[in-house]
């Protein structure tokens, strides 16, 4: 019996799992179909089976959950820094000049980065790609990408700390 035939026997179970994530029936069906494709392409038969006739339910659950998280991450709207400017002006709590200084400093910090760090940062935050997608496309390890992003965030945080405090009118 093929992997897909074995998985298809429990289709309703996979649907119920997907629906338990809070998806509509149609979205759950799409997620389960994506899981079938992922399992067909990438899952080793010994990982997804307990025996010849029994599917590793936990392995399927983790696959569904990860696909769900990947879809959710792609649905998160990406916000351009320049779009944040109008929010502070409307609230009136923040200094317009301090905000401009903060945005300028952040932009300058990004511009001054090493080309590799800058490129990883721009692709991850600008194009909304996941670390796994970046790793697969670039053949760079996911750990290296994660560490690069962590270091870049820390660098921006450290270089912009003073301007952020000025912007929010916090004391040292």
Protein backbone atom coordinates (compact mmCIF):
# COMPACT_ATOMS: atom_id res chain seq x y z
CA UNK A 1 0.00 0.00 0.00
CA UNK A 2 1.44 3.39 -0.98
CA UNK A 3 2.01 6.26 1.42
CA UNK A 4 -0.85 8.28 -0.04
CA UNK A 5 -3.31 5.40 0.10
CA UNK A 6 -2.43 4.82 3.72
CA UNK A 7 -2.87 8.53 4.53
CA UNK A 8 -6.11 8.81 2.57
CA UNK A 9 -7.73 6.10 4.70
CA UNK A 10 -7.76 8.58 7.60
CA UNK A 11 -8.67 11.67 5.60
CA UNK A 12 -11.49 12.65 7.97
CA UNK A 13 -9.11 12.47 10.94
CA UNK A 14 -6.72 14.85 9.18
CA UNK A 15 -9.63 17.15 8.36
CA UNK A 16 -10.69 17.18 12.02
CA UNK A 17 -7.13 18.02 13.06
CA UNK A 18 -6.99 20.91 10.59
CA UNK A 19 -10.40 22.20 11.68
CA UNK A 20 -9.20 22.09 15.30
CA UNK A 21 -6.64 24.76 14.32
CA UNK A 22 -9.58 27.11 13.76
CA UNK A 23 -9.82 26.73 9.99
CA UNK A 24 -12.99 26.66 7.94
CA UNK A 25 -13.82 23.39 6.20
CA UNK A 26 -12.51 24.71 2.86
CA UNK A 27 -9.25 25.97 4.37
CA UNK A 28 -8.85 22.71 6.28
CA UNK A 29 -9.28 20.78 3.03
CA UNK A 30 -6.56 22.93 1.41
CA UNK A 31 -4.24 22.35 4.35
CA UNK A 32 -4.79 18.58 4.25
CA UNK A 33 -4.13 18.54 0.51
CA UNK A 34 -0.89 20.48 1.11
CA UNK A 35 0.00 17.89 3.75
CA UNK A 36 -0.54 15.06 1.24
CA UNK A 37 1.79 16.79 -1.21
CA UNK A 38 4.42 17.44 1.46
CA UNK A 39 4.25 13.85 2.71
CA UNK A 40 4.43 12.44 -0.82
CA UNK A 41 7.46 14.56 -1.74
CA UNK A 42 9.46 14.63 1.47
CA UNK A 43 8.37 12.12 4.10
CA UNK A 44 10.26 8.90 4.39
CA UNK A 45 7.91 5.93 4.68
CA UNK A 46 9.54 4.74 7.90
CA UNK A 47 8.86 8.11 9.59
CA UNK A 48 5.20 8.26 8.71
CA UNK A 49 4.31 4.65 9.50
CA UNK A 50 4.27 2.67 12.71
CA UNK A 51 3.72 -0.50 10.73
CA UNK A 52 2.62 -1.42 7.21
CA UNK A 53 -0.99 -0.53 7.98
CA UNK A 54 -0.69 2.12 10.69
CA UNK A 55 0.11 5.82 10.17
CA UNK A 56 2.21 7.78 12.65
CA UNK A 57 -0.54 10.20 13.71
CA UNK A 58 1.83 12.47 15.61
CA UNK A 59 4.06 12.87 12.54
CA UNK A 60 1.03 13.85 10.45
CA UNK A 61 -0.16 16.24 13.17
CA UNK A 62 3.23 17.98 13.32
CA UNK A 63 3.28 18.27 9.52
CA UNK A 64 -0.23 19.79 9.49
CA UNK A 65 0.65 22.15 12.33
CA UNK A 66 3.84 23.35 10.62
CA UNK A 67 2.01 23.91 7.33
CA UNK A 68 -0.66 25.86 9.24
CA UNK A 69 1.99 28.05 10.91
CA UNK A 70 3.70 28.65 7.57
CA UNK A 71 0.39 29.78 6.06
CA UNK A 72 -0.31 32.07 9.02
CA UNK A 73 3.12 33.62 8.77
CA UNK A 74 2.56 34.40 5.10
CA UNK A 75 -0.78 36.04 5.94
CA UNK A 76 0.77 38.49 8.41
CA UNK A 77 0.78 41.87 6.69
CA UNK A 78 4.22 43.33 6.26
CA UNK A 79 4.40 46.90 7.54
CA UNK A 80 6.69 49.43 5.97
CA UNK A 81 8.46 51.62 8.54
CA UNK A 82 7.31 54.75 6.74
CA UNK A 83 3.69 53.69 7.31
CA UNK A 84 4.18 53.97 11.06
CA UNK A 85 4.77 57.71 10.86
CA UNK A 86 1.10 58.67 10.55
CA UNK A 87 0.15 56.59 13.61
CA UNK A 88 2.33 58.63 15.93
CA UNK A 89 1.09 61.90 14.47
CA UNK A 90 -2.54 60.91 15.01
CA UNK A 91 -2.00 59.86 18.61
CA UNK A 92 -0.16 63.06 19.41
CA UNK A 93 1.81 61.40 22.22
CA UNK A 94 5.09 61.24 20.39
CA UNK A 95 7.48 63.84 19.10
CA UNK A 96 7.41 64.07 15.30
CA UNK A 97 11.07 65.01 15.15
CA UNK A 98 12.08 62.10 17.41
CA UNK A 99 10.15 59.69 15.19
CA UNK A 100 11.87 60.99 12.08
CA UNK A 101 15.24 60.64 13.82
CA UNK A 102 14.38 57.06 14.82
CA UNK A 103 13.29 56.10 11.29
CA UNK A 104 16.35 57.78 9.77
CA UNK A 105 18.64 56.02 12.22
CA UNK A 106 17.02 52.64 11.52
CA UNK A 107 17.29 53.17 7.77
CA UNK A 108 20.92 54.22 8.11
CA UNK A 109 21.67 51.23 10.32
CA UNK A 110 20.20 48.91 7.68
CA UNK A 111 22.15 50.65 4.92
CA UNK A 112 25.43 50.33 6.87
CA UNK A 113 25.06 46.58 7.39
CA UNK A 114 27.34 44.06 5.75
CA UNK A 115 25.84 43.13 2.36
CA UNK A 116 25.08 39.56 3.51
CA UNK A 117 23.24 40.66 6.66
CA UNK A 118 21.37 43.34 4.75
CA UNK A 119 20.26 40.91 2.04
CA UNK A 120 19.04 38.27 4.54
CA UNK A 121 17.23 40.98 6.55
CA UNK A 122 15.55 42.47 3.45
CA UNK A 123 14.41 39.11 2.08
CA UNK A 124 13.11 37.86 5.43
CA UNK A 125 11.29 41.02 6.48
CA UNK A 126 10.64 42.62 3.11
CA UNK A 127 9.41 39.61 1.15
CA UNK A 128 7.96 37.68 4.09
CA UNK A 129 9.86 34.47 3.40
CA UNK A 130 10.31 31.97 6.17
CA UNK A 131 13.73 30.91 7.41
CA UNK A 132 13.12 27.47 5.92
CA UNK A 133 12.24 28.95 2.51
CA UNK A 134 15.35 31.12 2.59
CA UNK A 135 17.46 28.13 3.55
CA UNK A 136 16.02 25.93 0.80
CA UNK A 137 16.44 28.57 -1.89
CA UNK A 138 19.90 29.77 -0.90
CA UNK A 139 21.37 26.49 0.39
CA UNK A 140 22.45 28.37 3.55
CA UNK A 141 21.74 26.52 6.78
CA UNK A 142 18.65 27.60 8.67
CA UNK A 143 20.79 28.03 11.81
CA UNK A 144 23.05 30.50 10.01
CA UNK A 145 20.03 32.48 8.77
CA UNK A 146 18.43 32.46 12.23
CA UNK A 147 21.64 33.66 13.88
CA UNK A 148 22.13 36.36 11.25
CA UNK A 149 18.60 37.68 11.81
CA UNK A 150 19.05 37.57 15.58
CA UNK A 151 22.33 39.50 15.34
CA UNK A 152 20.86 42.06 12.94
CA UNK A 153 17.87 42.69 15.23
CA UNK A 154 20.23 43.11 18.19
CA UNK A 155 22.43 45.50 16.21
CA UNK A 156 19.46 47.65 15.19
CA UNK A 157 18.12 47.59 18.74
CA UNK A 158 21.46 48.70 20.19
CA UNK A 159 22.12 51.41 17.61
CA UNK A 160 18.59 52.84 17.80
CA UNK A 161 18.04 52.55 21.55
CA UNK A 162 18.67 56.25 22.28
CA UNK A 163 16.41 57.45 19.45
CA UNK A 164 13.67 55.05 20.55
CA UNK A 165 13.81 56.38 24.09
CA UNK A 166 13.63 59.94 22.77
CA UNK A 167 10.67 58.94 20.61
CA UNK A 168 8.74 57.36 23.46
CA UNK A 169 9.98 59.99 25.95
CA UNK A 170 11.42 57.33 28.23
CA UNK A 171 14.12 58.12 30.76
CA UNK A 172 17.41 56.18 30.91
